[in-house]
Amino acid sequence: METKPKRILYLTFYFEPDLCAGSFRNSPLAKTLASKFGEDNQIDIISTQPNRYSTFQSEAPELERRGNMTIHRIAIPTHQSGFMDQIKSFYNYYSQAQKIARQQKYDLVFASSSRLFTAYLGYKIARKKKAPLYLDIRDIFVDTMKDVLQNKLIKSMVLPILKYVEKKTFSDAKHINLISGGFKPYFAKYTRPKYSEFPNGIDDAFLEMEMSSTRNPKPPYKIVYAGNMGEGQGLHKIIPQAAKALEGQYEFLVIGDGGAKAKLEEALAEFKPKNVELHPPVKRSELFEIYKNTDFFFLHLNDYDAFKKVLPSKIFEMGAYNIPIIAGVGGFANEFIRKNVPNSILFDPGDVQSMVEQLKNYTYHEEERIQFKQDFTRAAINDKLAASILGYLS
């Protein structure tokens, strides 16, 4: 008897060539899934045109076919990562994705989500199609909004809605993958789904990179941060102050964009450090070249309870190199780095004094993180996650 072809709907707000953790996770995962799915079957990816940063533009086709994988990229309004901008963008994605999905029958709906509403979109479509729902949760949005929303009136209106959406979505899922082990206590109340913990991983491109042969680490050492400049990173609370205290010994290169960039610029104007350079987002190929001549990587999360549960994807790309990491993180991320990423300088979020003192007393050295690279390759993690996803096809 001939087997009927299967079709998976894959929802992710970010996909290549966009520059962000969501894109870097889902682009290789989708390819791994497609390679294991069989050429007679079909994966429909519904994502967006590159939009993570308003200062980074990259061309990508609205409709792209790669073997058994079809990619739909929805154009959304340009935005500055503000709260209302993001609502408009998600609504556009939400409504257009439903129109695209309406034309097909799906055997499985997979949604990778950090801001809850991609997961909710997966829930709505899965219910209509009577298909199992598999969620990959990259952040706890309700938890984050409790900390990030400052306006009490808006918070009192928004949080009940978010909690309702979260309950409906997570309670209906067949399986939920948690990208961070720190999420487990929060999800204990949702007992229906099965759970897994496949984290982010190290891309092959980082494993293959080598440092510049002309590099000669000595003062002033070069500290690089590359990524989002949002409220969640809280860079304005640490970089201007620490840079001022470390003038002459260390230089900071901060690459990226985001909703709190203006706060960082204001703090730099206030403290007036002479050793900080801001640079707009760059393509990954350009970033690799910058990394080759970097002496320290920098990572920081704001001091919010929600961020004590997360495991930033940056840890995996930074840990692939031999150079030291400076990380102002708490909770699960702090524990993870302490256990798995040697030659790291750890301090509590916003603790300028601790960061400065540790750097002044640090004897520069490099160390290959052999065990870390063996344990957390993206390819191996994606193989296991793809197998888990395909296990839900009836």
Protein backbone atom coordinates (compact mmCIF):
# COMPACT_ATOMS: atom_id res chain seq x y z
CA MET A 1 0.00 0.00 0.00
CA GLU A 2 1.41 3.39 -1.02
CA THR A 3 2.14 5.81 1.85
CA LYS A 4 0.48 9.19 1.56
CA PRO A 5 2.97 12.14 1.59
CA LYS A 6 3.16 14.08 4.85
CA ARG A 7 3.22 17.86 5.31
CA ILE A 8 4.61 19.86 8.25
CA LEU A 9 3.88 23.53 8.92
CA TYR A 10 6.94 25.24 10.42
CA LEU A 11 6.33 28.66 12.02
CA THR A 12 9.19 30.96 12.96
CA PHE A 13 9.11 34.75 12.97
CA TYR A 14 12.81 34.88 12.12
CA PHE A 15 14.62 32.94 9.39
CA GLU A 16 17.73 33.39 7.26
CA PRO A 17 19.08 35.81 6.13
CA ASP A 18 17.86 37.68 9.24
CA LEU A 19 20.39 38.31 12.03
CA CYS A 20 19.20 37.06 15.42
CA ALA A 21 19.12 34.04 17.68
CA GLY A 22 15.72 32.94 16.32
CA SER A 23 17.06 32.86 12.77
CA PHE A 24 20.30 31.14 13.76
CA ARG A 25 18.33 28.43 15.57
CA ASN A 26 15.59 27.82 13.03
CA SER A 27 17.44 28.07 9.73
CA PRO A 28 19.73 25.06 10.37
CA LEU A 29 17.01 23.15 12.26
CA ALA A 30 14.64 23.43 9.29
CA LYS A 31 17.34 22.11 6.96
CA THR A 32 18.05 19.16 9.27
CA LEU A 33 14.34 18.41 9.51
CA ALA A 34 13.97 18.54 5.72
CA SER A 35 16.92 16.18 5.22
CA LYS A 36 15.31 13.59 7.52
CA PHE A 37 11.76 14.02 6.22
CA GLY A 38 12.07 12.40 2.82
CA GLU A 39 11.82 14.05 -0.59
CA ASP A 40 8.18 13.01 -1.12
CA ASN A 41 7.08 14.91 1.97
CA GLN A 42 6.84 18.69 2.38
CA ILE A 43 7.77 21.33 4.95
CA ASP A 44 6.08 24.73 4.64
CA ILE A 45 8.03 27.41 6.51
CA ILE A 46 6.17 30.64 7.18
CA SER A 47 8.47 33.40 8.37
CA THR A 48 9.08 37.10 7.68
CA GLN A 49 11.30 39.25 5.54
CA PRO A 50 14.48 40.24 7.46
CA ASN A 51 13.36 42.74 10.09
CA ARG A 52 15.23 42.17 13.36
CA TYR A 53 17.11 45.45 13.06
CA SER A 54 15.90 48.57 11.31
CA THR A 55 19.52 49.38 10.46
CA PHE A 56 20.13 46.06 8.70
CA GLN A 57 18.53 45.29 5.35
CA SER A 58 18.96 42.12 3.33
CA GLU A 59 17.14 40.90 0.24
CA ALA A 60 15.25 37.61 0.41
CA PRO A 61 12.58 36.14 -1.89
CA GLU A 62 8.97 36.12 -0.68
CA LEU A 63 8.58 32.56 -1.93
CA GLU A 64 11.54 30.17 -2.08
CA ARG A 65 11.60 26.44 -2.83
CA ARG A 66 14.48 24.21 -1.74
CA GLY A 67 13.74 20.57 -2.46
CA ASN A 68 11.02 19.44 -0.04
CA MET A 69 11.09 22.79 1.81
CA THR A 70 9.04 25.85 0.80
CA ILE A 71 9.76 29.16 2.53
CA HIS A 72 7.16 31.94 2.69
CA ARG A 73 8.56 35.28 3.89
CA ILE A 74 5.93 37.82 4.90
CA ALA A 75 6.77 41.51 4.58
CA ILE A 76 6.03 43.38 7.80
CA PRO A 77 6.13 47.12 8.60
CA THR A 78 9.52 48.59 9.46
CA HIS A 79 9.87 49.02 13.21
CA GLN A 80 12.23 50.15 15.98
CA SER A 81 11.57 47.16 18.29
CA GLY A 82 9.18 49.22 20.44
CA PHE A 83 6.21 47.53 22.13
CA MET A 84 3.53 48.91 19.78
CA ASP A 85 5.78 48.35 16.74
CA GLN A 86 6.13 44.70 17.67
CA ILE A 87 2.37 44.30 18.14
CA LYS A 88 1.75 45.67 14.63
CA SER A 89 4.44 43.45 13.15
CA PHE A 90 3.16 40.30 14.84
CA TYR A 91 -0.42 41.04 13.87
CA ASN A 92 0.62 41.34 10.24
CA TYR A 93 2.56 38.06 10.44
CA TYR A 94 -0.28 36.38 12.32
CA SER A 95 -2.98 37.30 9.81
CA GLN A 96 -0.91 36.66 6.68
CA ALA A 97 0.37 33.31 7.97
CA GLN A 98 -3.18 32.11 8.54
CA LYS A 99 -4.08 32.99 4.95
CA ILE A 100 -1.11 31.00 3.62
CA ALA A 101 -1.80 28.00 5.87
CA ARG A 102 -5.50 27.97 4.99
CA GLN A 103 -4.71 26.39 1.63
CA GLN A 104 -3.10 23.22 3.02
CA LYS A 105 -3.76 20.22 5.20
CA TYR A 106 -1.03 19.59 7.77
CA ASP A 107 -0.02 16.46 9.64
CA LEU A 108 1.98 18.42 12.23
CA VAL A 109 2.38 22.06 13.26
CA PHE A 110 5.76 23.10 14.66
CA ALA A 111 6.27 26.60 16.09
CA SER A 112 9.47 28.10 17.47
CA SER A 113 8.57 31.07 19.65
CA SER A 114 10.16 33.59 21.98
CA ARG A 115 7.31 36.11 22.23
CA LEU A 116 4.42 33.67 22.72
CA PHE A 117 2.32 34.79 19.74
CA THR A 118 4.10 32.60 17.19
CA ALA A 119 3.27 29.71 19.54
CA TYR A 120 -0.33 30.95 19.76
CA LEU A 121 -0.50 31.14 15.97
CA GLY A 122 0.64 27.50 15.90
CA TYR A 123 -2.08 26.63 18.41
CA LYS A 124 -4.81 28.30 16.31
CA ILE A 125 -3.74 26.64 13.07
CA ALA A 126 -3.20 23.23 14.69
CA ARG A 127 -6.72 23.34 16.14
CA LYS A 128 -8.22 24.18 12.74
CA LYS A 129 -6.22 21.49 10.97
CA LYS A 130 -6.73 18.94 13.77
CA ALA A 131 -2.97 18.41 13.77
CA PRO A 132 -0.61 17.82 16.72
CA LEU A 133 1.22 20.91 17.97
CA TYR A 134 4.94 20.83 18.82
CA LEU A 135 6.36 23.99 20.43
CA ASP A 136 9.96 25.14 20.75
CA ILE A 137 9.94 27.78 23.49
CA ARG A 138 12.88 30.19 23.50
CA ASP A 139 11.63 32.60 26.18
CA ILE A 140 8.86 32.94 28.77
CA PHE A 141 7.08 35.98 27.42
CA VAL A 142 4.62 36.51 30.28
CA ASP A 143 7.46 36.36 32.78
CA THR A 144 9.51 38.84 30.77
CA MET A 145 6.61 41.31 30.41
CA LYS A 146 6.12 41.33 34.19
CA ASP A 147 9.57 42.83 34.48
CA VAL A 148 9.85 44.89 31.30
CA LEU A 149 6.47 46.67 31.30
CA GLN A 150 6.86 49.77 33.47
CA ASN A 151 3.44 51.40 32.95
CA LYS A 152 1.15 49.95 35.63
CA LEU A 153 -2.04 50.61 33.65
CA ILE A 154 -0.71 48.89 30.53
CA LYS A 155 0.63 46.04 32.64
CA SER A 156 -2.75 45.52 34.34
CA MET A 157 -4.44 45.36 30.92
CA VAL A 158 -1.85 43.31 29.03
CA LEU A 159 -0.79 40.62 31.53
CA PRO A 160 -4.23 38.98 31.97
CA ILE A 161 -4.52 38.68 28.18
CA LEU A 162 -1.04 37.20 27.89
CA LYS A 163 -1.72 34.71 30.68
CA TYR A 164 -4.93 33.60 28.95
CA VAL A 165 -3.12 33.17 25.61
CA GLU A 166 -0.28 31.29 27.29
CA LYS A 167 -2.62 28.90 29.10
CA LYS A 168 -4.62 28.09 25.95
CA THR A 169 -1.46 27.58 23.90
CA PHE A 170 0.69 25.53 26.25
CA SER A 171 -2.18 23.41 27.53
CA ASP A 172 -3.02 22.26 24.01
CA ALA A 173 0.49 21.31 22.87
CA LYS A 174 1.47 17.68 22.47
CA HIS A 175 5.12 18.46 23.12
CA ILE A 176 7.08 21.47 24.35
CA ASN A 177 10.81 21.79 23.96
CA LEU A 178 12.40 24.17 26.47
CA ILE A 179 15.50 25.89 25.19
CA SER A 180 16.68 26.48 28.77
CA GLY A 181 16.57 24.10 31.71
CA GLY A 182 15.79 27.17 33.82
CA PHE A 183 12.25 27.18 32.35
CA LYS A 184 11.28 23.84 33.93
CA PRO A 185 9.76 25.12 37.21
CA TYR A 186 7.59 27.63 35.33
CA PHE A 187 6.14 24.95 33.04
CA ALA A 188 5.38 22.48 35.83
CA LYS A 189 1.75 23.74 35.86
CA TYR A 190 1.21 22.60 32.27
CA THR A 191 0.99 18.84 32.70
CA ARG A 192 -0.54 17.73 29.37
CA PRO A 193 2.48 18.14 27.04
CA LYS A 194 5.57 15.98 26.99
CA TYR A 195 8.80 17.93 27.47
CA SER A 196 12.37 17.98 26.20
CA GLU A 197 15.34 20.32 26.73
CA PHE A 198 17.25 20.77 23.49
CA PRO A 199 19.17 24.05 23.91
CA ASN A 200 20.86 26.25 21.36
CA GLY A 201 24.17 24.96 20.10
CA ILE A 202 27.43 25.84 18.41
CA ASP A 203 27.17 26.32 14.65
CA ASP A 204 29.78 24.60 12.49
CA ALA A 205 30.92 28.01 11.24
CA PHE A 206 32.11 28.90 14.75
CA LEU A 207 33.79 25.54 15.28
CA GLU A 208 35.78 26.05 12.08
CA MET A 209 36.92 29.62 12.80
CA GLU A 210 40.51 30.42 13.70
CA MET A 211 41.90 33.51 15.35
CA SER A 212 44.10 35.89 13.36
CA SER A 213 47.74 34.79 13.22
CA THR A 214 48.82 38.43 13.66
CA ARG A 215 46.81 38.87 16.86
CA ASN A 216 48.94 39.72 19.89
CA PRO A 217 46.76 40.19 22.98
CA LYS A 218 48.07 43.00 25.13
CA PRO A 219 46.66 46.23 26.61
CA PRO A 220 44.48 47.85 25.58
CA TYR A 221 42.51 44.62 25.25
CA LYS A 222 39.56 44.59 22.86
CA ILE A 223 36.17 43.61 24.35
CA VAL A 224 33.40 42.89 21.84
CA TYR A 225 29.65 42.73 22.30
CA ALA A 226 27.55 41.79 19.25
CA GLY A 227 23.79 41.46 19.45
CA ASN A 228 20.59 43.14 20.49
CA MET A 229 20.67 46.42 22.41
CA GLY A 230 17.33 46.01 24.17
CA GLU A 231 16.00 46.53 27.65
CA GLY A 232 16.72 42.87 28.31
CA GLN A 233 20.45 43.35 27.75
CA GLY A 234 20.67 46.47 29.92
CA LEU A 235 23.93 47.55 28.28
CA HIS A 236 23.35 51.14 29.41
CA LYS A 237 23.70 50.00 33.02
CA ILE A 238 27.16 48.46 32.63
CA ILE A 239 29.22 49.41 29.55
CA PRO A 240 29.56 53.22 29.95
CA GLN A 241 30.40 52.94 33.65
CA ALA A 242 32.82 50.00 33.31
CA ALA A 243 34.48 51.46 30.22
CA LYS A 244 35.17 54.72 32.04
CA ALA A 245 36.85 52.83 34.88
CA LEU A 246 38.91 50.74 32.45
CA GLU A 247 40.14 53.52 30.14
CA GLY A 248 43.65 52.87 28.86
CA GLN A 249 43.48 49.15 29.62
CA TYR A 250 40.43 48.00 27.65
CA GLU A 251 38.50 49.09 24.56
CA PHE A 252 34.84 48.22 23.90
CA LEU A 253 33.33 47.53 20.47
CA VAL A 254 29.54 47.29 20.68
CA ILE A 255 27.86 45.96 17.53
CA GLY A 256 24.09 45.87 17.00
CA ASP A 257 20.88 47.80 17.39
CA GLY A 258 17.69 47.66 19.41
CA GLY A 259 15.04 49.40 21.46
CA ALA A 260 17.39 50.56 24.25
CA LYS A 261 20.22 51.83 22.06
CA ALA A 262 19.19 55.41 22.83
CA LYS A 263 19.61 54.70 26.57
CA LEU A 264 23.11 53.39 25.92
CA GLU A 265 23.96 56.49 23.90
CA GLU A 266 22.61 58.73 26.69
CA ALA A 267 24.69 56.90 29.30
CA LEU A 268 27.80 57.17 27.12
CA ALA A 269 27.19 60.91 26.80
CA GLU A 270 26.89 61.14 30.58
CA PHE A 271 30.01 59.13 31.55
CA LYS A 272 32.05 60.17 28.49
CA PRO A 273 34.33 57.11 28.18
CA LYS A 274 36.84 57.46 25.33
CA ASN A 275 37.15 53.72 24.76
CA VAL A 276 33.69 52.72 23.43
CA GLU A 277 32.80 52.39 19.76
CA LEU A 278 29.22 51.72 18.59
CA HIS A 279 28.76 49.92 15.30
CA PRO A 280 25.54 48.97 13.43
CA PRO A 281 24.65 45.29 12.82
CA VAL A 282 26.87 43.39 10.40
CA LYS A 283 26.47 40.20 8.38
CA ARG A 284 27.77 37.03 9.99
CA SER A 285 30.73 36.86 7.60
CA GLU A 286 31.83 40.33 8.73
CA LEU A 287 31.27 39.40 12.36
CA PHE A 288 33.59 36.41 11.99
CA GLU A 289 36.36 38.72 10.79
CA ILE A 290 35.82 40.98 13.82
CA TYR A 291 35.85 38.01 16.17
CA LYS A 292 39.25 36.92 14.79
CA ASN A 293 40.82 40.01 16.34
CA THR A 294 38.84 40.06 19.59
CA ASP A 295 40.46 39.56 23.01
CA PHE A 296 37.32 39.22 25.17
CA PHE A 297 33.65 38.48 24.48
CA PHE A 298 31.03 40.35 26.49
CA LEU A 299 27.54 39.27 27.54
CA HIS A 300 25.06 41.00 29.86
CA LEU A 301 21.42 40.58 30.88
CA ASN A 302 19.35 43.05 32.87
CA ASP A 303 18.63 42.27 36.51
CA TYR A 304 15.12 40.91 36.00
CA ASP A 305 13.73 37.72 37.56
CA ALA A 306 12.67 36.45 34.12
CA PHE A 307 16.26 36.50 32.88
CA LYS A 308 17.40 34.24 35.70
CA LYS A 309 15.70 31.40 33.79
CA VAL A 310 17.10 32.01 30.30
CA LEU A 311 20.15 30.57 28.53
CA PRO A 312 21.38 33.11 25.93
CA SER A 313 22.37 31.66 22.56
CA LYS A 314 25.44 33.92 22.54
CA ILE A 315 27.06 31.64 25.12
CA PHE A 316 27.34 28.90 22.52
CA GLU A 317 29.02 30.94 19.82
CA MET A 318 31.37 32.67 22.28
CA GLY A 319 32.32 29.41 23.97
CA ALA A 320 33.51 27.93 20.67
CA TYR A 321 36.49 30.29 20.70
CA ASN A 322 39.50 30.05 23.01
CA ILE A 323 39.27 33.62 24.29
CA PRO A 324 37.91 34.66 27.71
CA ILE A 325 34.26 35.60 28.22
CA ILE A 326 32.97 38.41 30.43
CA ALA A 327 29.38 37.65 31.49
CA GLY A 328 27.06 39.64 33.73
CA VAL A 329 24.24 37.11 34.11
CA GLY A 330 22.34 35.51 36.97
CA GLY A 331 20.38 32.35 37.66
CA PHE A 332 20.50 29.44 35.23
CA ALA A 333 22.84 31.13 32.74
CA ASN A 334 25.36 31.87 35.48
CA GLU A 335 25.24 28.25 36.66
CA PHE A 336 25.54 26.94 33.10
CA ILE A 337 28.62 29.05 32.33
CA ARG A 338 30.25 28.21 35.64
CA LYS A 339 29.77 24.50 34.96
CA ASN A 340 30.44 24.29 31.23
CA VAL A 341 32.46 27.30 30.02
CA PRO A 342 35.90 27.65 31.64
CA ASN A 343 37.95 30.87 31.48
CA SER A 344 34.89 33.05 32.09
CA ILE A 345 34.67 36.16 34.25
CA LEU A 346 31.25 36.10 35.95
CA PHE A 347 29.51 38.90 37.83
CA ASP A 348 25.96 39.81 38.81
CA PRO A 349 23.98 41.92 36.30
CA GLY A 350 24.80 45.61 36.65
CA ASP A 351 27.63 45.03 39.14
CA VAL A 352 30.16 47.44 37.64
CA GLN A 353 32.56 47.20 40.57
CA SER A 354 32.82 43.40 40.41
CA MET A 355 33.41 43.43 36.66
CA VAL A 356 36.07 46.12 36.86
CA GLU A 357 37.91 44.55 39.80
CA GLN A 358 37.97 41.10 38.20
CA LEU A 359 39.32 42.49 34.92
CA LYS A 360 42.02 44.50 36.69
CA ASN A 361 43.13 41.34 38.51
CA TYR A 362 42.79 39.00 35.53
CA THR A 363 45.91 37.50 33.96
CA TYR A 364 45.14 37.19 30.28
CA HIS A 365 45.14 33.65 28.89
CA GLU A 366 43.30 31.57 26.34
CA GLU A 367 41.87 28.08 26.74
CA GLU A 368 40.28 25.69 24.28
CA ARG A 369 36.90 24.51 25.62
CA ILE A 370 37.15 20.97 24.26
CA GLN A 371 34.40 19.36 26.33
CA PHE A 372 32.00 22.24 25.74
CA LYS A 373 32.42 21.94 21.97
CA GLN A 374 31.86 18.19 22.11
CA ASP A 375 28.70 18.50 24.20
CA PHE A 376 26.93 21.36 22.43
CA THR A 377 27.36 21.21 18.66
CA ARG A 378 24.28 22.60 16.91
CA ALA A 379 24.30 19.74 14.39
CA ALA A 380 24.06 17.03 17.07
CA ILE A 381 21.34 18.90 18.96
CA ASN A 382 19.34 19.50 15.76
CA ASP A 383 19.56 15.82 14.84
CA LYS A 384 17.94 14.89 18.15
CA LEU A 385 15.36 17.68 18.03
CA ALA A 386 14.38 16.82 14.43
CA ALA A 387 13.94 13.17 15.38
CA SER A 388 11.75 14.23 18.30
CA ILE A 389 9.59 16.42 16.01
CA LEU A 390 9.15 13.71 13.40
CA GLY A 391 8.08 11.28 16.12
CA TYR A 392 4.73 13.11 16.31
CA LEU A 393 3.70 12.40 12.72
CA SER A 394 0.76 10.02 12.77
